[in-house]
Amino acid sequence: MNKIEQMNLYQRHQFDPSSKDDMKVVRKFLHNMKWENNCPFYLEWPYLDIPTMLKDRITKYTLKGL
């Protein structure tokens, strides 16, 4: 598999806490403390790292629903 094919397999997207697929990926990451392949999410401003961003976005989404 060449580099272009690899890049297409691992395209990143914005994390959506309402997406069950995204939450399954995060659950697996938090349980294993490593990504299955590559991190599938973009790092968003103002966060400095993906785990902090995910935890904050999930917390805000959950509290918004209360």
Protein backbone atom coordinates (compact mmCIF):
# COMPACT_ATOMS: atom_id res chain seq x y z
CA MET A 1 0.00 0.00 0.00
CA ASN A 2 1.48 3.34 -0.99
CA LYS A 3 1.45 6.55 1.08
CA ILE A 4 -1.58 8.05 -0.70
CA GLU A 5 -3.66 4.94 -0.05
CA GLN A 6 -2.60 4.99 3.60
CA MET A 7 -3.57 8.65 3.95
CA ASN A 8 -7.01 7.95 2.49
CA LEU A 9 -7.57 5.15 4.99
CA TYR A 10 -6.81 7.39 7.96
CA GLN A 11 -8.58 10.61 7.12
CA ARG A 12 -9.32 12.71 10.15
CA HIS A 13 -12.57 14.42 11.01
CA GLN A 14 -13.99 16.65 13.70
CA PHE A 15 -14.95 14.77 16.85
CA ASP A 16 -18.71 14.60 17.44
CA PRO A 17 -19.72 13.48 20.96
CA SER A 18 -23.25 12.69 19.72
CA SER A 19 -21.84 10.13 17.24
CA LYS A 20 -21.93 6.56 18.55
CA ASP A 21 -19.10 5.63 16.18
CA ASP A 22 -16.87 8.43 17.51
CA MET A 23 -17.69 7.49 21.10
CA LYS A 24 -16.78 3.84 20.43
CA VAL A 25 -13.39 4.94 19.09
CA VAL A 26 -12.82 7.13 22.17
CA ARG A 27 -13.89 4.35 24.54
CA LYS A 28 -11.41 1.97 22.92
CA PHE A 29 -8.67 4.63 23.10
CA LEU A 30 -9.31 5.41 26.77
CA HIS A 31 -9.37 1.72 27.65
CA ASN A 32 -6.15 0.83 25.79
CA MET A 33 -4.43 4.23 25.97
CA LYS A 34 -3.47 3.93 22.31
CA TRP A 35 -5.18 4.38 18.97
CA GLU A 36 -6.11 1.32 16.97
CA ASN A 37 -4.41 2.75 13.86
CA ASN A 38 -4.01 6.52 13.89
CA CYS A 39 -5.95 9.18 15.70
CA PRO A 40 -9.06 9.83 13.57
CA PHE A 41 -9.79 13.30 14.99
CA TYR A 42 -8.49 16.78 14.30
CA LEU A 43 -7.04 18.70 17.21
CA GLU A 44 -9.26 21.74 17.68
CA TRP A 45 -8.34 25.13 19.04
CA PRO A 46 -7.78 25.98 21.97
CA TYR A 47 -6.80 22.45 23.01
CA LEU A 48 -3.18 21.33 23.14
CA ASP A 49 -3.76 17.58 23.00
CA ILE A 50 -6.41 15.17 21.76
CA PRO A 51 -7.21 13.33 25.04
CA THR A 52 -7.93 16.60 26.86
CA MET A 53 -10.06 17.81 23.96
CA LEU A 54 -12.08 14.59 23.91
CA LYS A 55 -12.71 14.56 27.65
CA ASP A 56 -13.73 18.23 27.66
CA ARG A 57 -16.04 17.90 24.64
CA ILE A 58 -17.70 14.77 26.10
CA THR A 59 -18.18 16.49 29.46
CA LYS A 60 -19.72 19.61 27.89
CA TYR A 61 -22.00 17.50 25.68
CA THR A 62 -23.18 15.43 28.67
CA LEU A 63 -23.78 18.44 30.91
CA LYS A 64 -25.65 20.24 28.12
CA GLY A 65 -28.19 17.40 28.12
CA LEU A 66 -29.02 17.75 31.83
